Structures are given as structure tokens and as C-alpha cells.
């Protein structure tokens, strides 16, 4: 985490350091990233970075925590549906808002691709933290639907929550699959996945 010295910097200087770190960590994973590149891009004195962050890992975690907070604020309106509309309706709105944020902030997608492609303890720890946070929230919504009788009680809440977590994080993979990632193909993928979850794959009208 940042030191008190960093916290007391002028906002424009903090933003320069943050932006330089986003650029570097979006191009190289935590193991290969070079602090000297960040120092150069941020136009700060050589060595001063250690007055602001004790380690490269601290700066890396700060970058992700900051972006996740901005991402969470952007999707916050989706929570108006949480435990009010059916869980899958909430999740579709959540997913589309989250995807929209990422498309508006492509640097976050590049960071995510580096994160999920790295085996370092720092990266793996961040991935577990992110996924567990999503999963815990999703399980609450799923269990509430089962309590209200609008979701089959045989559904394994943890497995459905895992599927939803993977959908949220797989956008970093879609970036490599699609020639041009867009809200149109993300929306189609989400709608089709929600349809499969709600209706399965049986032909319409087929009886059990």
C-alpha cells in the first residue's frame, strides 16, 4: 500500500505515478515490470518511488485496488436490482455495466490480461481475492432466489456463482478471441448464456 508520503503528494503527481504504473503493468506482468520505466514516465526523481511504495508489489496492488474501486462505483447502479429482481436479471445488468466500464477503460483490460497470465504469488493472491469477493456476493443473491422459490433449490449455489465469476473475468480472454471487442458481442454472449441457464438446451415444448 502507499506510504503516508505518497498520500500527501499533490493530486496531479499521484495521478502521474498511477498512470505510469498502469501503463507499465499493462505491458508487463509483475515479475517483468520495471520501476525505472514508471519513474521515467511519471517524471519523478530516480529513487523517489521507494518513498511512496515500499515494494513493486505494493504499487501493483495499489493500482488494482484503485481501478477496482472505480469499476465498482461504475457498476453500483446494478445493485438496485440485487435481491429485488431475480438473480440472473441482476447479474445480466451487473455484467453489462461492468463490461461497459472495461471497454471505456481499455488499460484495465490490458492489466487484467497480464494479471491472469502470470503465476506469481502476488498475481494469484489478487485473483483469489477478486474472485472470492464476487463469489460471496453472488451466492447471497442465488440463495435468496432459492429462499423466495424463484430458483430451483437443487441448483448448486457455489457452482452457479463460479460460472458468473468466470463470465465477469473472461472478458480478458474475449479480448484475444474477438477481432474487435464490443458491447454488441458481449451483450449477445451474456444474453445467450442467461437463456441457457434459465431454459437449458431442450427444444421448446419438449416434455420431461
Protein backbone atom coordinates (compact mmCIF):
# COMPACT_ATOMS: atom_id res chain seq x y z
CA UNK A 1 0.00 0.00 0.00
CA UNK A 2 1.14 3.60 -0.47
CA UNK A 3 3.14 5.31 2.27
CA UNK A 4 1.93 8.44 4.09
CA UNK A 5 4.41 10.38 1.95
CA UNK A 6 2.52 9.35 -1.19
CA UNK A 7 -0.82 10.19 0.40
CA UNK A 8 0.36 13.77 0.95
CA UNK A 9 1.51 14.33 -2.63
CA UNK A 10 -0.39 16.77 -4.86
CA UNK A 11 -3.19 15.00 -6.74
CA UNK A 12 -1.66 15.65 -10.15
CA UNK A 13 1.61 13.98 -9.14
CA UNK A 14 -0.21 10.97 -7.67
CA UNK A 15 -2.15 10.64 -10.91
CA UNK A 16 1.07 10.79 -12.97
CA UNK A 17 2.57 7.95 -10.95
CA UNK A 18 -0.66 5.96 -11.12
CA UNK A 19 -0.97 6.41 -14.89
CA UNK A 20 2.65 5.44 -15.45
CA UNK A 21 2.17 2.32 -13.32
CA UNK A 22 -0.99 1.36 -15.23
CA UNK A 23 0.95 1.64 -18.49
CA UNK A 24 3.88 -0.46 -17.27
CA UNK A 25 1.81 -3.19 -15.60
CA UNK A 26 -0.43 -3.34 -18.67
CA UNK A 27 2.58 -4.16 -20.82
CA UNK A 28 4.50 -6.43 -18.43
CA UNK A 29 3.47 -8.71 -15.60
CA UNK A 30 4.53 -8.06 -12.02
CA UNK A 31 7.68 -10.14 -12.40
CA UNK A 32 8.90 -8.41 -15.56
CA UNK A 33 7.71 -4.85 -14.89
CA UNK A 34 10.45 -2.28 -14.31
CA UNK A 35 10.05 0.52 -11.81
CA UNK A 36 12.56 2.64 -13.73
CA UNK A 37 10.05 2.82 -16.61
CA UNK A 38 7.39 4.07 -14.22
CA UNK A 39 9.75 6.66 -12.75
CA UNK A 40 10.65 7.89 -16.24
CA UNK A 41 7.04 8.11 -17.47
CA UNK A 42 5.87 9.79 -14.27
CA UNK A 43 8.73 12.29 -14.47
CA UNK A 44 9.75 11.87 -10.85
CA UNK A 45 13.20 11.73 -9.29
CA UNK A 46 15.04 8.40 -9.53
CA UNK A 47 14.69 6.50 -6.26
CA UNK A 48 11.77 8.60 -5.04
CA UNK A 49 9.36 5.80 -5.89
CA UNK A 50 10.54 3.96 -2.77
CA UNK A 51 9.43 6.92 -0.67
CA UNK A 52 5.92 6.27 -1.95
CA UNK A 53 5.78 2.46 -2.10
CA UNK A 54 7.95 0.04 -0.17
CA UNK A 55 7.98 -2.55 -2.94
CA UNK A 56 6.94 -3.02 -6.55
CA UNK A 57 4.25 -5.39 -5.28
CA UNK A 58 2.78 -2.64 -3.09
CA UNK A 59 2.48 -0.35 -6.11
CA UNK A 60 0.95 -3.18 -8.16
CA UNK A 61 -1.71 -3.90 -5.54
CA UNK A 62 -2.43 -0.17 -5.20
CA UNK A 63 -3.06 0.09 -8.95
CA UNK A 64 -5.52 -2.81 -8.90
CA UNK A 65 -7.28 -1.63 -5.75
CA UNK A 66 -7.73 1.84 -7.25
CA UNK A 67 -9.10 0.54 -10.53
CA UNK A 68 -11.38 -1.97 -8.80
CA UNK A 69 -12.83 0.84 -6.69
CA UNK A 70 -13.55 2.88 -9.83
CA UNK A 71 -15.01 -0.19 -11.53
CA UNK A 72 -17.23 -0.94 -8.50
CA UNK A 73 -18.53 2.62 -8.47
CA UNK A 74 -19.45 2.37 -12.16
CA UNK A 75 -21.47 -0.83 -11.72
CA UNK A 76 -23.05 0.24 -8.45
CA UNK A 77 -26.38 1.10 -10.08
CA UNK A 78 -26.86 -2.59 -10.94
CA UNK A 79 -27.24 -3.30 -7.22
CA UNK A 80 -30.61 -1.58 -7.28
CA UNK A 81 -31.80 -4.94 -8.66
CA UNK A 82 -29.97 -7.08 -6.11
CA UNK A 83 -32.43 -9.22 -4.09
CA UNK A 84 -35.29 -7.38 -5.80
CA UNK A 85 -35.24 -8.75 -9.33
CA UNK A 86 -34.30 -12.41 -9.95
CA UNK A 87 -30.58 -13.04 -9.52
CA UNK A 88 -29.97 -13.71 -13.23
CA UNK A 89 -31.66 -10.41 -14.13
CA UNK A 90 -29.41 -8.61 -11.65
CA UNK A 91 -26.34 -10.44 -12.91
CA UNK A 92 -27.03 -9.56 -16.55
CA UNK A 93 -27.24 -5.87 -15.65
CA UNK A 94 -24.12 -6.17 -13.48
CA UNK A 95 -22.18 -7.92 -16.24
CA UNK A 96 -23.15 -5.41 -18.92
CA UNK A 97 -22.32 -2.41 -16.73
CA UNK A 98 -19.00 -3.99 -15.80
CA UNK A 99 -18.22 -4.75 -19.45
CA UNK A 100 -19.09 -1.20 -20.44
CA UNK A 101 -16.65 0.15 -17.87
CA UNK A 102 -13.87 -2.07 -19.19
CA UNK A 103 -14.50 -1.05 -22.79
CA UNK A 104 -14.31 2.58 -21.72
CA UNK A 105 -11.07 1.82 -19.86
CA UNK A 106 -9.05 -0.48 -22.15
CA UNK A 107 -5.96 -0.11 -19.97
CA UNK A 108 -7.83 -2.13 -17.33
CA UNK A 109 -8.30 -4.95 -19.83
CA UNK A 110 -4.58 -4.98 -20.58
CA UNK A 111 -3.82 -5.09 -16.85
CA UNK A 112 -6.23 -7.98 -16.44
CA UNK A 113 -4.64 -9.96 -19.24
CA UNK A 114 -1.23 -9.56 -17.60
CA UNK A 115 -2.68 -10.47 -14.21
CA UNK A 116 -4.42 -13.66 -15.34
CA UNK A 117 -1.42 -14.74 -17.39
CA UNK A 118 1.06 -14.54 -14.52
CA UNK A 119 1.84 -17.25 -11.96
CA UNK A 120 3.45 -15.02 -9.31
CA UNK A 121 2.17 -15.24 -5.75
CA UNK A 122 1.11 -11.59 -5.88
CA UNK A 123 -0.95 -12.10 -9.04
CA UNK A 124 -2.52 -15.32 -7.83
CA UNK A 125 -3.37 -13.71 -4.50
CA UNK A 126 -5.12 -10.82 -6.25
CA UNK A 127 -7.06 -13.21 -8.47
CA UNK A 128 -8.30 -15.22 -5.48
CA UNK A 129 -9.26 -12.04 -3.65
CA UNK A 130 -11.19 -10.69 -6.64
CA UNK A 131 -12.95 -13.97 -7.39
CA UNK A 132 -13.87 -14.66 -3.76
CA UNK A 133 -15.38 -11.20 -3.36
CA UNK A 134 -17.58 -11.71 -6.42
CA UNK A 135 -18.49 -15.27 -5.45
CA UNK A 136 -19.57 -14.39 -1.92
CA UNK A 137 -21.90 -11.66 -3.19
CA UNK A 138 -23.35 -13.84 -5.95
CA UNK A 139 -24.06 -16.74 -3.56
CA UNK A 140 -26.10 -14.39 -1.36
CA UNK A 141 -28.29 -13.44 -4.34
CA UNK A 142 -28.65 -17.03 -5.53
CA UNK A 143 -29.59 -18.32 -2.08
CA UNK A 144 -32.14 -15.53 -1.72
CA UNK A 145 -33.79 -16.59 -5.00
CA UNK A 146 -34.00 -20.16 -3.73
CA UNK A 147 -35.49 -18.90 -0.46
CA UNK A 148 -38.13 -16.96 -2.45
CA UNK A 149 -38.90 -20.03 -4.53
CA UNK A 150 -37.94 -18.47 -7.86
CA UNK A 151 -34.88 -20.68 -8.39
CA UNK A 152 -34.74 -24.48 -8.25
CA UNK A 153 -33.43 -25.48 -4.84
CA UNK A 154 -31.41 -28.26 -6.50
CA UNK A 155 -29.15 -25.66 -8.13
CA UNK A 156 -25.68 -25.74 -6.58
CA UNK A 157 -25.22 -22.14 -5.48
CA UNK A 158 -21.41 -22.31 -5.46
CA UNK A 159 -21.21 -23.71 -8.99
CA UNK A 160 -23.60 -21.11 -10.41
CA UNK A 161 -21.68 -18.38 -8.59
CA UNK A 162 -18.40 -19.74 -10.03
CA UNK A 163 -19.88 -19.61 -13.54
CA UNK A 164 -20.87 -15.98 -13.03
CA UNK A 165 -17.42 -15.13 -11.67
CA UNK A 166 -15.81 -16.66 -14.74
CA UNK A 167 -18.09 -14.64 -17.00
CA UNK A 168 -17.00 -11.42 -15.31
CA UNK A 169 -13.30 -12.23 -15.58
CA UNK A 170 -13.36 -13.93 -19.01
CA UNK A 171 -13.65 -10.57 -20.75
CA UNK A 172 -9.85 -10.54 -20.62
CA UNK A 173 -9.88 -13.71 -22.72
CA UNK A 174 -12.54 -12.39 -25.11
CA UNK A 175 -10.19 -9.53 -25.92
CA UNK A 176 -7.89 -12.08 -27.55
CA UNK A 177 -10.69 -14.03 -29.28
CA UNK A 178 -12.63 -11.23 -30.93
CA UNK A 179 -11.03 -9.05 -33.58
CA UNK A 180 -12.82 -6.12 -32.00
CA UNK A 181 -14.37 -6.45 -28.58
CA UNK A 182 -17.67 -4.58 -28.42
CA UNK A 183 -20.76 -4.22 -26.27
CA UNK A 184 -22.69 -5.89 -29.07
CA UNK A 185 -20.82 -9.21 -28.92
CA UNK A 186 -20.56 -9.09 -25.13
CA UNK A 187 -24.30 -8.45 -24.82
CA UNK A 188 -25.07 -11.32 -27.19
CA UNK A 189 -22.79 -13.68 -25.27
CA UNK A 190 -24.41 -12.66 -21.97
CA UNK A 191 -27.99 -12.98 -23.25
CA UNK A 192 -27.33 -16.41 -24.72
CA UNK A 193 -25.66 -17.61 -21.53
CA UNK A 194 -28.55 -16.34 -19.41
CA UNK A 195 -31.00 -18.09 -21.75
CA UNK A 196 -29.14 -21.39 -21.35
CA UNK A 197 -29.13 -21.02 -17.58
CA UNK A 198 -32.86 -20.29 -17.47
CA UNK A 199 -34.13 -22.68 -20.14
CA UNK A 200 -31.47 -25.31 -20.76
CA UNK A 201 -30.98 -26.83 -24.20
CA UNK A 202 -34.23 -28.79 -24.69
CA UNK A 203 -36.39 -27.87 -27.71
CA UNK A 204 -39.29 -25.60 -26.82
CA UNK A 205 -42.38 -27.56 -25.84
CA UNK A 206 -40.49 -30.79 -25.13
CA UNK A 207 -41.74 -32.50 -22.02
CA UNK A 208 -39.58 -34.12 -19.39
